[in-house]
Amino acid sequence: MKKIKILLVEDEAIIARYLSLELELEGYEICGYVANGKDAIRISLEEKPDLILMDINLQGDLDGIETMEIIRENQQIPVIFMTGYSRAEYTERANKLDPISYFIKPVEAEFISPIIKEYFKEKLK
């Protein structure tokens, strides 16, 4: 069975480490975790992940939604958005990118994993 390769984009190191460890325990491959949009764009081109788990509020000039817009110019990688804010503005902007899901933080890996499995169920065979 091929492992699903995930790029984790999260500017809070503790959350990134937690999600990374928990998702690896669930059998996913974390191809990297970064804290800003520019690194996310670079790593997505280098690693070609199957999925991006993207925080909306990031360090640097780009937020997570802008970062995904740039990534989608070259690659059609599915995304799950996470945010600590439930503002309608974020939801509306994020939904334009047709995310697999959208989580309000704090989020547990146990809630993310079933969504990933359902989305990739054919690929996991």
C-alpha atoms as a PDB file:
ATOM      1  CA  MET A   1       0.000   0.000   0.000  1.00  0.00           C
ATOM      2  CA  LYS A   2       1.397   3.398  -1.021  1.00  0.00           C
ATOM      3  CA  LYS A   3       1.645   5.958   1.749  1.00  0.00           C
ATOM      4  CA  ILE A   4      -0.141   9.257   1.255  1.00  0.00           C
ATOM      5  CA  LYS A   5       2.462  12.028   1.217  1.00  0.00           C
ATOM      6  CA  ILE A   6       1.446  15.149   3.169  1.00  0.00           C
ATOM      7  CA  LEU A   7       3.014  18.598   3.293  1.00  0.00           C
ATOM      8  CA  LEU A   8       2.171  20.270   6.601  1.00  0.00           C
ATOM      9  CA  VAL A   9       2.115  24.082   6.532  1.00  0.00           C
ATOM     10  CA  GLU A  10       1.718  25.420  10.069  1.00  0.00           C
ATOM     11  CA  ASP A  11       3.443  28.356  11.767  1.00  0.00           C
ATOM     12  CA  GLU A  12       2.935  27.091  15.321  1.00  0.00           C
ATOM     13  CA  ALA A  13       5.775  24.611  15.901  1.00  0.00           C
ATOM     14  CA  ILE A  14       4.024  22.674  18.667  1.00  0.00           C
ATOM     15  CA  ILE A  15       0.943  22.085  16.521  1.00  0.00           C
ATOM     16  CA  ALA A  16       3.099  21.153  13.520  1.00  0.00           C
ATOM     17  CA  ARG A  17       5.099  18.612  15.525  1.00  0.00           C
ATOM     18  CA  TYR A  18       1.991  17.131  17.111  1.00  0.00           C
ATOM     19  CA  LEU A  19       0.137  16.734  13.803  1.00  0.00           C
ATOM     20  CA  SER A  20       3.259  15.414  12.099  1.00  0.00           C
ATOM     21  CA  LEU A  21       3.816  12.713  14.729  1.00  0.00           C
ATOM     22  CA  GLU A  22       0.160  11.726  14.941  1.00  0.00           C
ATOM     23  CA  LEU A  23      -0.305  11.517  11.175  1.00  0.00           C
ATOM     24  CA  GLU A  24       2.870   9.447  10.821  1.00  0.00           C
ATOM     25  CA  LEU A  25       1.471   7.059  13.451  1.00  0.00           C
ATOM     26  CA  GLU A  26      -1.652   6.809  11.277  1.00  0.00           C
ATOM     27  CA  GLY A  27       0.559   5.661   8.386  1.00  0.00           C
ATOM     28  CA  TYR A  28       0.978   8.881   6.410  1.00  0.00           C
ATOM     29  CA  GLU A  29       4.307  10.191   5.152  1.00  0.00           C
ATOM     30  CA  ILE A  30       5.038  13.783   6.154  1.00  0.00           C
ATOM     31  CA  CYS A  31       7.287  15.108   3.384  1.00  0.00           C
ATOM     32  CA  GLY A  32       7.946  18.295   5.308  1.00  0.00           C
ATOM     33  CA  TYR A  33       6.525  20.905   7.568  1.00  0.00           C
ATOM     34  CA  VAL A  34       7.067  24.592   7.015  1.00  0.00           C
ATOM     35  CA  ALA A  35       5.847  27.817   8.617  1.00  0.00           C
ATOM     36  CA  ASN A  36       5.451  30.160   5.637  1.00  0.00           C
ATOM     37  CA  GLY A  37       3.984  30.324   2.171  1.00  0.00           C
ATOM     38  CA  LYS A  38       7.225  30.705   0.234  1.00  0.00           C
ATOM     39  CA  ASP A  39       8.661  27.512   1.726  1.00  0.00           C
ATOM     40  CA  ALA A  40       5.359  25.715   1.128  1.00  0.00           C
ATOM     41  CA  ILE A  41       5.463  26.629  -2.566  1.00  0.00           C
ATOM     42  CA  ARG A  42       9.072  25.463  -2.882  1.00  0.00           C
ATOM     43  CA  ILE A  43       8.533  22.168  -1.035  1.00  0.00           C
ATOM     44  CA  SER A  44       5.340  21.415  -2.956  1.00  0.00           C
ATOM     45  CA  LEU A  45       7.271  21.696  -6.228  1.00  0.00           C
ATOM     46  CA  GLU A  46      10.161  19.568  -4.932  1.00  0.00           C
ATOM     47  CA  GLU A  47       8.221  16.863  -3.065  1.00  0.00           C
ATOM     48  CA  LYS A  48       4.952  16.771  -5.032  1.00  0.00           C
ATOM     49  CA  PRO A  49       2.782  15.844  -2.035  1.00  0.00           C
ATOM     50  CA  ASP A  50      -0.546  14.054  -2.394  1.00  0.00           C
ATOM     51  CA  LEU A  51      -2.138  16.480   0.066  1.00  0.00           C
ATOM     52  CA  ILE A  52      -1.380  19.791   1.766  1.00  0.00           C
ATOM     53  CA  LEU A  53      -2.556  20.424   5.312  1.00  0.00           C
ATOM     54  CA  MET A  54      -2.529  24.229   5.369  1.00  0.00           C
ATOM     55  CA  ASP A  55      -2.924  26.735   8.181  1.00  0.00           C
ATOM     56  CA  ILE A  56      -4.492  29.960   6.933  1.00  0.00           C
ATOM     57  CA  ASN A  57      -2.499  32.350   9.122  1.00  0.00           C
ATOM     58  CA  LEU A  58       1.191  31.914   8.351  1.00  0.00           C
ATOM     59  CA  GLN A  59       4.467  33.693   8.952  1.00  0.00           C
ATOM     60  CA  GLY A  60       5.623  35.938   6.119  1.00  0.00           C
ATOM     61  CA  ASP A  61       3.900  37.830   3.329  1.00  0.00           C
ATOM     62  CA  LEU A  62       1.487  35.141   2.126  1.00  0.00           C
ATOM     63  CA  ASP A  63      -1.401  33.637   4.026  1.00  0.00           C
ATOM     64  CA  GLY A  64      -2.380  30.006   3.486  1.00  0.00           C
ATOM     65  CA  ILE A  65      -5.106  30.798   0.986  1.00  0.00           C
ATOM     66  CA  GLU A  66      -2.806  32.959  -1.170  1.00  0.00           C
ATOM     67  CA  THR A  67      -0.164  30.237  -0.928  1.00  0.00           C
ATOM     68  CA  MET A  68      -2.600  27.589  -2.185  1.00  0.00           C
ATOM     69  CA  GLU A  69      -3.674  29.852  -5.054  1.00  0.00           C
ATOM     70  CA  ILE A  70      -0.037  30.039  -6.186  1.00  0.00           C
ATOM     71  CA  ILE A  71       0.527  26.296  -5.734  1.00  0.00           C
ATOM     72  CA  ARG A  72      -2.602  25.552  -7.759  1.00  0.00           C
ATOM     73  CA  GLU A  73      -1.211  27.553 -10.694  1.00  0.00           C
ATOM     74  CA  ASN A  74       1.234  24.655 -11.259  1.00  0.00           C
ATOM     75  CA  GLN A  75      -0.184  21.659  -9.387  1.00  0.00           C
ATOM     76  CA  GLN A  76      -3.670  20.456  -8.518  1.00  0.00           C
ATOM     77  CA  ILE A  77      -2.856  19.269  -5.004  1.00  0.00           C
ATOM     78  CA  PRO A  78      -5.844  18.785  -2.692  1.00  0.00           C
ATOM     79  CA  VAL A  79      -5.870  20.840   0.501  1.00  0.00           C
ATOM     80  CA  ILE A  80      -7.305  20.732   3.998  1.00  0.00           C
ATOM     81  CA  PHE A  81      -7.375  24.169   5.611  1.00  0.00           C
ATOM     82  CA  MET A  82      -6.936  24.834   9.343  1.00  0.00           C
ATOM     83  CA  THR A  83      -7.364  28.109  11.166  1.00  0.00           C
ATOM     84  CA  GLY A  84      -7.738  29.493  14.633  1.00  0.00           C
ATOM     85  CA  TYR A  85     -10.320  31.968  13.324  1.00  0.00           C
ATOM     86  CA  SER A  86     -13.857  31.315  12.142  1.00  0.00           C
ATOM     87  CA  ARG A  87     -14.298  34.531  10.178  1.00  0.00           C
ATOM     88  CA  ALA A  88     -16.650  34.298   7.203  1.00  0.00           C
ATOM     89  CA  GLU A  89     -14.046  36.111   5.084  1.00  0.00           C
ATOM     90  CA  TYR A  90     -11.589  33.208   5.482  1.00  0.00           C
ATOM     91  CA  THR A  91     -14.234  30.583   4.826  1.00  0.00           C
ATOM     92  CA  GLU A  92     -15.426  32.305   1.655  1.00  0.00           C
ATOM     93  CA  ARG A  93     -11.887  32.741   0.291  1.00  0.00           C
ATOM     94  CA  ALA A  94     -10.868  29.195   1.220  1.00  0.00           C
ATOM     95  CA  ASN A  95     -13.981  27.637  -0.320  1.00  0.00           C
ATOM     96  CA  LYS A  96     -13.051  29.087  -3.718  1.00  0.00           C
ATOM     97  CA  LEU A  97     -10.163  26.588  -3.713  1.00  0.00           C
ATOM     98  CA  ASP A  98     -12.526  23.646  -3.136  1.00  0.00           C
ATOM     99  CA  PRO A  99     -10.768  22.222  -0.062  1.00  0.00           C
ATOM    100  CA  ILE A 100     -11.351  18.655   1.094  1.00  0.00           C
ATOM    101  CA  SER A 101     -12.220  20.082   4.495  1.00  0.00           C
ATOM    102  CA  TYR A 102     -11.837  23.125   6.730  1.00  0.00           C
ATOM    103  CA  PHE A 103     -11.012  22.787  10.442  1.00  0.00           C
ATOM    104  CA  ILE A 104     -11.128  25.329  13.245  1.00  0.00           C
ATOM    105  CA  LYS A 105      -8.126  24.848  15.560  1.00  0.00           C
ATOM    106  CA  PRO A 106      -7.334  23.257  17.829  1.00  0.00           C
ATOM    107  CA  VAL A 107      -7.758  20.181  15.662  1.00  0.00           C
ATOM    108  CA  GLU A 108      -6.884  16.609  16.545  1.00  0.00           C
ATOM    109  CA  ALA A 109      -5.265  14.262  14.039  1.00  0.00           C
ATOM    110  CA  GLU A 110      -7.967  11.712  14.872  1.00  0.00           C
ATOM    111  CA  PHE A 111     -10.488  14.000  13.127  1.00  0.00           C
ATOM    112  CA  ILE A 112      -8.276  14.711  10.115  1.00  0.00           C
ATOM    113  CA  SER A 113      -7.227  11.130   9.379  1.00  0.00           C
ATOM    114  CA  PRO A 114     -10.714   9.751   8.528  1.00  0.00           C
ATOM    115  CA  ILE A 115     -11.292  12.644   6.116  1.00  0.00           C
ATOM    116  CA  ILE A 116      -7.987  11.894   4.374  1.00  0.00           C
ATOM    117  CA  LYS A 117      -8.760   8.160   4.239  1.00  0.00           C
ATOM    118  CA  GLU A 118     -12.181   8.771   2.732  1.00  0.00           C
ATOM    119  CA  TYR A 119     -10.800  11.156   0.106  1.00  0.00           C
ATOM    120  CA  PHE A 120      -7.987   8.787  -0.897  1.00  0.00           C
ATOM    121  CA  LYS A 121      -9.760   5.445  -0.369  1.00  0.00           C
ATOM    122  CA  GLU A 122      -9.136   4.271  -3.949  1.00  0.00           C
ATOM    123  CA  LYS A 123      -5.487   5.337  -3.822  1.00  0.00           C
ATOM    124  CA  LEU A 124      -4.935   3.497  -0.512  1.00  0.00           C
ATOM    125  CA  LYS A 125      -5.771   0.103  -2.050  1.00  0.00           C
END
